Amino acid sequence: MTGAELKRLRREIGIGTCDMYRLLGLPRRTYQDYEAGKRGIPEAVATAAREAHRRDREFFATLPDRIDARLLEQFPDGIIK
């Protein structure tokens, strides 16, 4: 994974660098160096970033179904009568 790819994943998740380095459990400067391409990204960090991105995409992809199920549960006869 490159620094540009790491940055793209972070932006697609929609979080800032502070949230991302905390999410990955990294020091701020280390994370910034990864994104800037000043350091190689260890496979464990790349895997954790990809997993965070996957969870984010999965959450939003399943959100409409979860909302529909919740509405049906709360309003079994429909909202408009």
PDB file of N, CA and C in Angstrom:
ATOM      1  N   MET A   1       0.844  -1.171   0.000  1.00  0.00           N
ATOM      2  CA  MET A   1       0.000   0.000   0.000  1.00  0.00           C
ATOM      3  C   MET A   1       0.891   1.237   0.000  1.00  0.00           C
ATOM      4  N   THR A   2       0.473   2.232  -0.753  1.00  0.00           N
ATOM      5  CA  THR A   2       1.223   3.489  -0.806  1.00  0.00           C
ATOM      6  C   THR A   2       0.569   4.516   0.116  1.00  0.00           C
ATOM      7  N   GLY A   3       1.279   5.607   0.333  1.00  0.00           N
ATOM      8  CA  GLY A   3       0.719   6.692   1.127  1.00  0.00           C
ATOM      9  C   GLY A   3      -0.530   7.269   0.488  1.00  0.00           C
ATOM     10  N   ALA A   4      -0.529   7.362  -0.835  1.00  0.00           N
ATOM     11  CA  ALA A   4      -1.697   7.890  -1.557  1.00  0.00           C
ATOM     12  C   ALA A   4      -2.912   6.978  -1.378  1.00  0.00           C
ATOM     13  N   GLU A   5      -2.678   5.671  -1.390  1.00  0.00           N
ATOM     14  CA  GLU A   5      -3.786   4.724  -1.186  1.00  0.00           C
ATOM     15  C   GLU A   5      -4.329   4.830   0.234  1.00  0.00           C
ATOM     16  N   LEU A   6      -3.427   4.978   1.189  1.00  0.00           N
ATOM     17  CA  LEU A   6      -3.845   5.130   2.584  1.00  0.00           C
ATOM     18  C   LEU A   6      -4.691   6.390   2.745  1.00  0.00           C
ATOM     19  N   LYS A   7      -4.259   7.470   2.133  1.00  0.00           N
ATOM     20  CA  LYS A   7      -4.992   8.733   2.186  1.00  0.00           C
ATOM     21  C   LYS A   7      -6.363   8.595   1.534  1.00  0.00           C
ATOM     22  N   ARG A   8      -6.419   7.893   0.398  1.00  0.00           N
ATOM     23  CA  ARG A   8      -7.697   7.682  -0.297  1.00  0.00           C
ATOM     24  C   ARG A   8      -8.675   6.915   0.583  1.00  0.00           C
ATOM     25  N   LEU A   9      -8.191   5.844   1.239  1.00  0.00           N
ATOM     26  CA  LEU A   9      -9.064   5.075   2.123  1.00  0.00           C
ATOM     27  C   LEU A   9      -9.603   5.950   3.247  1.00  0.00           C
ATOM     28  N   ARG A  10      -8.706   6.751   3.839  1.00  0.00           N
ATOM     29  CA  ARG A  10      -9.124   7.629   4.935  1.00  0.00           C
ATOM     30  C   ARG A  10     -10.188   8.604   4.468  1.00  0.00           C
ATOM     31  N   ARG A  11      -9.984   9.195   3.302  1.00  0.00           N
ATOM     32  CA  ARG A  11     -10.955  10.159   2.780  1.00  0.00           C
ATOM     33  C   ARG A  11     -12.282   9.494   2.437  1.00  0.00           C
ATOM     34  N   GLU A  12     -12.228   8.275   1.908  1.00  0.00           N
ATOM     35  CA  GLU A  12     -13.472   7.570   1.591  1.00  0.00           C
ATOM     36  C   GLU A  12     -14.247   7.220   2.855  1.00  0.00           C
ATOM     37  N   ILE A  13     -13.532   6.945   3.926  1.00  0.00           N
ATOM     38  CA  ILE A  13     -14.195   6.708   5.208  1.00  0.00           C
ATOM     39  C   ILE A  13     -14.804   8.012   5.712  1.00  0.00           C
ATOM     40  N   GLY A  14     -14.161   9.125   5.361  1.00  0.00           N
ATOM     41  CA  GLY A  14     -14.692  10.424   5.745  1.00  0.00           C
ATOM     42  C   GLY A  14     -14.193  10.920   7.089  1.00  0.00           C
ATOM     43  N   ILE A  15     -12.945  10.553   7.432  1.00  0.00           N
ATOM     44  CA  ILE A  15     -12.390  11.001   8.710  1.00  0.00           C
ATOM     45  C   ILE A  15     -11.080  11.744   8.469  1.00  0.00           C
ATOM     46  N   GLY A  16     -10.687  12.543   9.438  1.00  0.00           N
ATOM     47  CA  GLY A  16      -9.442  13.294   9.356  1.00  0.00           C
ATOM     48  C   GLY A  16      -8.259  12.439   9.775  1.00  0.00           C
ATOM     49  N   THR A  17      -7.075  12.997   9.611  1.00  0.00           N
ATOM     50  CA  THR A  17      -5.864  12.246   9.961  1.00  0.00           C
ATOM     51  C   THR A  17      -5.831  11.906  11.447  1.00  0.00           C
ATOM     52  N   CYS A  18      -6.312  12.815  12.304  1.00  0.00           N
ATOM     53  CA  CYS A  18      -6.309  12.542  13.756  1.00  0.00           C
ATOM     54  C   CYS A  18      -7.122  11.295  14.079  1.00  0.00           C
ATOM     55  N   ASP A  19      -8.304  11.207  13.486  1.00  0.00           N
ATOM     56  CA  ASP A  19      -9.151  10.039  13.747  1.00  0.00           C
ATOM     57  C   ASP A  19      -8.528   8.765  13.189  1.00  0.00           C
ATOM     58  N   MET A  20      -7.890   8.863  12.035  1.00  0.00           N
ATOM     59  CA  MET A  20      -7.310   7.679  11.408  1.00  0.00           C
ATOM     60  C   MET A  20      -6.121   7.154  12.205  1.00  0.00           C
ATOM     61  N   TYR A  21      -5.218   8.024  12.636  1.00  0.00           N
ATOM     62  CA  TYR A  21      -4.076   7.493  13.377  1.00  0.00           C
ATOM     63  C   TYR A  21      -4.521   6.946  14.722  1.00  0.00           C
ATOM     64  N   ARG A  22      -5.555   7.525  15.312  1.00  0.00           N
ATOM     65  CA  ARG A  22      -6.097   6.956  16.565  1.00  0.00           C
ATOM     66  C   ARG A  22      -6.761   5.605  16.309  1.00  0.00           C
ATOM     67  N   LEU A  23      -7.516   5.527  15.223  1.00  0.00           N
ATOM     68  CA  LEU A  23      -8.179   4.276  14.849  1.00  0.00           C
ATOM     69  C   LEU A  23      -7.169   3.152  14.657  1.00  0.00           C
ATOM     70  N   LEU A  24      -6.035   3.489  14.049  1.00  0.00           N
ATOM     71  CA  LEU A  24      -5.004   2.492  13.785  1.00  0.00           C
ATOM     72  C   LEU A  24      -4.043   2.307  14.956  1.00  0.00           C
ATOM     73  N   GLY A  25      -4.162   3.144  15.989  1.00  0.00           N
ATOM     74  CA  GLY A  25      -3.299   3.032  17.153  1.00  0.00           C
ATOM     75  C   GLY A  25      -1.861   3.429  16.881  1.00  0.00           C
ATOM     76  N   LEU A  26      -1.692   4.481  16.076  1.00  0.00           N
ATOM     77  CA  LEU A  26      -0.352   4.925  15.678  1.00  0.00           C
ATOM     78  C   LEU A  26      -0.046   6.308  16.222  1.00  0.00           C
ATOM     79  N   PRO A  27       1.236   6.608  16.409  1.00  0.00           N
ATOM     80  CA  PRO A  27       1.608   7.989  16.715  1.00  0.00           C
ATOM     81  C   PRO A  27       1.284   8.892  15.522  1.00  0.00           C
ATOM     82  N   ARG A  28       0.940  10.125  15.813  1.00  0.00           N
ATOM     83  CA  ARG A  28       0.547  11.080  14.771  1.00  0.00           C
ATOM     84  C   ARG A  28       1.629  11.229  13.698  1.00  0.00           C
ATOM     85  N   ARG A  29       2.840  11.470  14.099  1.00  0.00           N
ATOM     86  CA  ARG A  29       3.933  11.698  13.147  1.00  0.00           C
ATOM     87  C   ARG A  29       4.153  10.463  12.268  1.00  0.00           C
ATOM     88  N   THR A  30       4.080   9.288  12.846  1.00  0.00           N
ATOM     89  CA  THR A  30       4.255   8.052  12.068  1.00  0.00           C
ATOM     90  C   THR A  30       3.192   7.965  10.981  1.00  0.00           C
ATOM     91  N   TYR A  31       1.940   8.207  11.362  1.00  0.00           N
ATOM     92  CA  TYR A  31       0.864   8.137  10.374  1.00  0.00           C
ATOM     93  C   TYR A  31       1.063   9.186   9.280  1.00  0.00           C
ATOM     94  N   GLN A  32       1.411  10.389   9.671  1.00  0.00           N
ATOM     95  CA  GLN A  32       1.637  11.442   8.684  1.00  0.00           C
ATOM     96  C   GLN A  32       2.759  11.058   7.718  1.00  0.00           C
ATOM     97  N   ASP A  33       3.808  10.436   8.238  1.00  0.00           N
ATOM     98  CA  ASP A  33       4.903   9.983   7.379  1.00  0.00           C
ATOM     99  C   ASP A  33       4.445   8.895   6.412  1.00  0.00           C
ATOM    100  N   TYR A  34       3.548   8.029   6.851  1.00  0.00           N
ATOM    101  CA  TYR A  34       3.010   7.003   5.953  1.00  0.00           C
ATOM    102  C   TYR A  34       2.261   7.660   4.798  1.00  0.00           C
ATOM    103  N   GLU A  35       1.366   8.587   5.118  1.00  0.00           N
ATOM    104  CA  GLU A  35       0.578   9.238   4.068  1.00  0.00           C
ATOM    105  C   GLU A  35       1.459  10.051   3.129  1.00  0.00           C
ATOM    106  N   ALA A  36       2.491  10.662   3.662  1.00  0.00           N
ATOM    107  CA  ALA A  36       3.381  11.501   2.848  1.00  0.00           C
ATOM    108  C   ALA A  36       4.361  10.671   2.026  1.00  0.00           C
ATOM    109  N   GLY A  37       4.403   9.363   2.260  1.00  0.00           N
ATOM    110  CA  GLY A  37       5.314   8.503   1.520  1.00  0.00           C
ATOM    111  C   GLY A  37       6.744   8.545   2.036  1.00  0.00           C
ATOM    112  N   LYS A  38       6.920   9.085   3.241  1.00  0.00           N
ATOM    113  CA  LYS A  38       8.262   9.162   3.821  1.00  0.00           C
ATOM    114  C   LYS A  38       8.686   7.856   4.491  1.00  0.00           C
ATOM    115  N   ARG A  39       7.723   7.000   4.769  1.00  0.00           N
ATOM    116  CA  ARG A  39       7.988   5.698   5.393  1.00  0.00           C
ATOM    117  C   ARG A  39       7.173   4.641   4.672  1.00  0.00           C
ATOM    118  N   GLY A  40       7.714   3.448   4.632  1.00  0.00           N
ATOM    119  CA  GLY A  40       6.948   2.322   4.105  1.00  0.00           C
ATOM    120  C   GLY A  40       5.854   1.941   5.084  1.00  0.00           C
ATOM    121  N   ILE A  41       4.727   1.499   4.565  1.00  0.00           N
ATOM    122  CA  ILE A  41       3.590   1.135   5.415  1.00  0.00           C
ATOM    123  C   ILE A  41       3.653  -0.360   5.709  1.00  0.00           C
ATOM    124  N   PRO A  42       3.763  -0.729   6.990  1.00  0.00           N
ATOM    125  CA  PRO A  42       3.794  -2.148   7.337  1.00  0.00           C
ATOM    126  C   PRO A  42       2.487  -2.843   6.922  1.00  0.00           C
ATOM    127  N   GLU A  43       2.588  -4.097   6.604  1.00  0.00           N
ATOM    128  CA  GLU A  43       1.411  -4.853   6.162  1.00  0.00           C
ATOM    129  C   GLU A  43       0.298  -4.839   7.208  1.00  0.00           C
ATOM    130  N   ALA A  44       0.655  -4.885   8.491  1.00  0.00           N
ATOM    131  CA  ALA A  44      -0.363  -4.874   9.552  1.00  0.00           C
ATOM    132  C   ALA A  44      -1.158  -3.569   9.533  1.00  0.00           C
ATOM    133  N   VAL A  45      -0.507  -2.458   9.278  1.00  0.00           N
ATOM    134  CA  VAL A  45      -1.186  -1.163   9.200  1.00  0.00           C
ATOM    135  C   VAL A  45      -2.064  -1.112   7.951  1.00  0.00           C
ATOM    136  N   ALA A  46      -1.544  -1.585   6.834  1.00  0.00           N
ATOM    137  CA  ALA A  46      -2.321  -1.614   5.594  1.00  0.00           C
ATOM    138  C   ALA A  46      -3.568  -2.474   5.756  1.00  0.00           C
ATOM    139  N   THR A  47      -3.410  -3.622   6.393  1.00  0.00           N
ATOM    140  CA  THR A  47      -4.542  -4.522   6.624  1.00  0.00           C
ATOM    141  C   THR A  47      -5.581  -3.863   7.520  1.00  0.00           C
ATOM    142  N   ALA A  48      -5.141  -3.194   8.584  1.00  0.00           N
ATOM    143  CA  ALA A  48      -6.065  -2.521   9.498  1.00  0.00           C
ATOM    144  C   ALA A  48      -6.804  -1.384   8.785  1.00  0.00           C
ATOM    145  N   ALA A  49      -6.118  -0.650   7.930  1.00  0.00           N
ATOM    146  CA  ALA A  49      -6.753   0.436   7.183  1.00  0.00           C
ATOM    147  C   ALA A  49      -7.783  -0.116   6.198  1.00  0.00           C
ATOM    148  N   ARG A  50      -7.427  -1.193   5.519  1.00  0.00           N
ATOM    149  CA  ARG A  50      -8.384  -1.814   4.578  1.00  0.00           C
ATOM    150  C   ARG A  50      -9.605  -2.350   5.317  1.00  0.00           C
ATOM    151  N   GLU A  51      -9.396  -2.925   6.483  1.00  0.00           N
ATOM    152  CA  GLU A  51     -10.504  -3.464   7.285  1.00  0.00           C
ATOM    153  C   GLU A  51     -11.419  -2.333   7.760  1.00  0.00           C
ATOM    154  N   ALA A  52     -10.860  -1.211   8.185  1.00  0.00           N
ATOM    155  CA  ALA A  52     -11.674  -0.061   8.592  1.00  0.00           C
ATOM    156  C   ALA A  52     -12.504   0.438   7.413  1.00  0.00           C
ATOM    157  N   HIS A  53     -11.897   0.481   6.243  1.00  0.00           N
ATOM    158  CA  HIS A  53     -12.603   0.909   5.032  1.00  0.00           C
ATOM    159  C   HIS A  53     -13.713  -0.079   4.687  1.00  0.00           C
ATOM    160  N   ARG A  54     -13.438  -1.374   4.779  1.00  0.00           N
ATOM    161  CA  ARG A  54     -14.443  -2.394   4.481  1.00  0.00           C
ATOM    162  C   ARG A  54     -15.635  -2.284   5.436  1.00  0.00           C
ATOM    163  N   ARG A  55     -15.349  -2.122   6.730  1.00  0.00           N
ATOM    164  CA  ARG A  55     -16.425  -1.998   7.719  1.00  0.00           C
ATOM    165  C   ARG A  55     -17.272  -0.762   7.449  1.00  0.00           C
ATOM    166  N   ASP A  56     -16.626   0.334   7.079  1.00  0.00           N
ATOM    167  CA  ASP A  56     -17.340   1.568   6.778  1.00  0.00           C
ATOM    168  C   ASP A  56     -18.260   1.368   5.570  1.00  0.00           C
ATOM    169  N   ARG A  57     -17.741   0.786   4.511  1.00  0.00           N
ATOM    170  CA  ARG A  57     -18.542   0.540   3.303  1.00  0.00           C
ATOM    171  C   ARG A  57     -19.691  -0.411   3.611  1.00  0.00           C
ATOM    172  N   GLU A  58     -19.418  -1.451   4.393  1.00  0.00           N
ATOM    173  CA  GLU A  58     -20.450  -2.430   4.743  1.00  0.00           C
ATOM    174  C   GLU A  58     -21.552  -1.772   5.575  1.00  0.00           C
ATOM    175  N   PHE A  59     -21.162  -0.935   6.514  1.00  0.00           N
ATOM    176  CA  PHE A  59     -22.133  -0.247   7.361  1.00  0.00           C
ATOM    177  C   PHE A  59     -23.106   0.563   6.513  1.00  0.00           C
ATOM    178  N   PHE A  60     -22.566   1.373   5.596  1.00  0.00           N
ATOM    179  CA  PHE A  60     -23.429   2.223   4.789  1.00  0.00           C
ATOM    180  C   PHE A  60     -24.195   1.442   3.726  1.00  0.00           C
ATOM    181  N   ALA A  61     -23.636   0.361   3.253  1.00  0.00           N
ATOM    182  CA  ALA A  61     -24.342  -0.449   2.253  1.00  0.00           C
ATOM    183  C   ALA A  61     -25.559  -1.142   2.853  1.00  0.00           C
ATOM    184  N   THR A  62     -25.481  -1.520   4.116  1.00  0.00           N
ATOM    185  CA  THR A  62     -26.593  -2.236   4.754  1.00  0.00           C
ATOM    186  C   THR A  62     -27.538  -1.301   5.500  1.00  0.00           C
ATOM    187  N   LEU A  63     -27.211  -0.032   5.578  1.00  0.00           N
ATOM    188  CA  LEU A  63     -28.031   0.928   6.316  1.00  0.00           C
ATOM    189  C   LEU A  63     -29.474   1.000   5.819  1.00  0.00           C
ATOM    190  N   PRO A  64     -29.739   1.097   4.513  1.00  0.00           N
ATOM    191  CA  PRO A  64     -31.138   1.171   4.069  1.00  0.00           C
ATOM    192  C   PRO A  64     -31.975  -0.029   4.522  1.00  0.00           C
ATOM    193  N   ASP A  65     -31.419  -1.225   4.457  1.00  0.00           N
ATOM    194  CA  ASP A  65     -32.162  -2.411   4.900  1.00  0.00           C
ATOM    195  C   ASP A  65     -32.444  -2.368   6.392  1.00  0.00           C
ATOM    196  N   ARG A  66     -31.476  -1.891   7.157  1.00  0.00           N
ATOM    197  CA  ARG A  66     -31.671  -1.810   8.608  1.00  0.00           C
ATOM    198  C   ARG A  66     -32.719  -0.754   8.951  1.00  0.00           C
ATOM    199  N   ILE A  67     -32.720   0.360   8.220  1.00  0.00           N
ATOM    200  CA  ILE A  67     -33.722   1.398   8.452  1.00  0.00           C
ATOM    201  C   ILE A  67     -35.105   0.876   8.088  1.00  0.00           C
ATOM    202  N   ASP A  68     -35.216   0.199   6.935  1.00  0.00           N
ATOM    203  CA  ASP A  68     -36.501  -0.363   6.512  1.00  0.00           C
ATOM    204  C   ASP A  68     -37.026  -1.344   7.544  1.00  0.00           C
ATOM    205  N   ALA A  69     -36.170  -2.223   8.054  1.00  0.00           N
ATOM    206  CA  ALA A  69     -36.586  -3.212   9.048  1.00  0.00           C
ATOM    207  C   ALA A  69     -37.059  -2.523  10.321  1.00  0.00           C
ATOM    208  N   ARG A  70     -36.358  -1.479  10.719  1.00  0.00           N
ATOM    209  CA  ARG A  70     -36.736  -0.755  11.942  1.00  0.00           C
ATOM    210  C   ARG A  70     -38.084  -0.053  11.767  1.00  0.00           C
ATOM    211  N   LEU A  71     -38.283   0.555  10.595  1.00  0.00           N
ATOM    212  CA  LEU A  71     -39.563   1.216  10.333  1.00  0.00           C
ATOM    213  C   LEU A  71     -40.711   0.215  10.308  1.00  0.00           C
ATOM    214  N   LEU A  72     -40.498  -0.922   9.693  1.00  0.00           N
ATOM    215  CA  LEU A  72     -41.536  -1.956   9.664  1.00  0.00           C
ATOM    216  C   LEU A  72     -41.852  -2.463  11.060  1.00  0.00           C
ATOM    217  N   GLU A  73     -40.844  -2.552  11.884  1.00  0.00           N
ATOM    218  CA  GLU A  73     -41.020  -2.988  13.263  1.00  0.00           C
ATOM    219  C   GLU A  73     -41.830  -1.959  14.047  1.00  0.00           C
ATOM    220  N   GLN A  74     -41.522  -0.682  13.864  1.00  0.00           N
ATOM    221  CA  GLN A  74     -42.211   0.382  14.617  1.00  0.00           C
ATOM    222  C   GLN A  74     -43.588   0.705  14.054  1.00  0.00           C
ATOM    223  N   PHE A  75     -43.757   0.540  12.757  1.00  0.00           N
ATOM    224  CA  PHE A  75     -45.021   0.886  12.092  1.00  0.00           C
ATOM    225  C   PHE A  75     -45.496  -0.278  11.226  1.00  0.00           C
ATOM    226  N   PRO A  76     -45.938  -1.374  11.840  1.00  0.00           N
ATOM    227  CA  PRO A  76     -46.326  -2.543  11.044  1.00  0.00           C
ATOM    228  C   PRO A  76     -47.493  -2.291  10.085  1.00  0.00           C
ATOM    229  N   ASP A  77     -48.326  -1.295  10.381  1.00  0.00           N
ATOM    230  CA  ASP A  77     -49.467  -0.986   9.514  1.00  0.00           C
ATOM    231  C   ASP A  77     -49.144   0.137   8.546  1.00  0.00           C
ATOM    232  N   GLY A  78     -47.896   0.584   8.520  1.00  0.00           N
ATOM    233  CA  GLY A  78     -47.489   1.674   7.649  1.00  0.00           C
ATOM    234  C   GLY A  78     -47.492   3.008   8.389  1.00  0.00           C
ATOM    235  N   ILE A  79     -46.833   3.963   7.804  1.00  0.00           N
ATOM    236  CA  ILE A  79     -46.729   5.276   8.436  1.00  0.00           C
ATOM    237  C   ILE A  79     -47.931   6.136   8.097  1.00  0.00           C
ATOM    238  N   ILE A  80     -48.401   6.068   6.869  1.00  0.00           N
ATOM    239  CA  ILE A  80     -49.541   6.882   6.426  1.00  0.00           C
ATOM    240  C   ILE A  80     -50.789   6.037   6.518  1.00  0.00           C
ATOM    241  N   LYS A  81     -51.803   6.601   7.164  1.00  0.00           N
ATOM    242  CA  LYS A  81     -53.069   5.873   7.309  1.00  0.00           C
ATOM    243  C   LYS A  81     -54.171   6.602   6.586  1.00  0.00           C
TER     244      LYS A  81
END
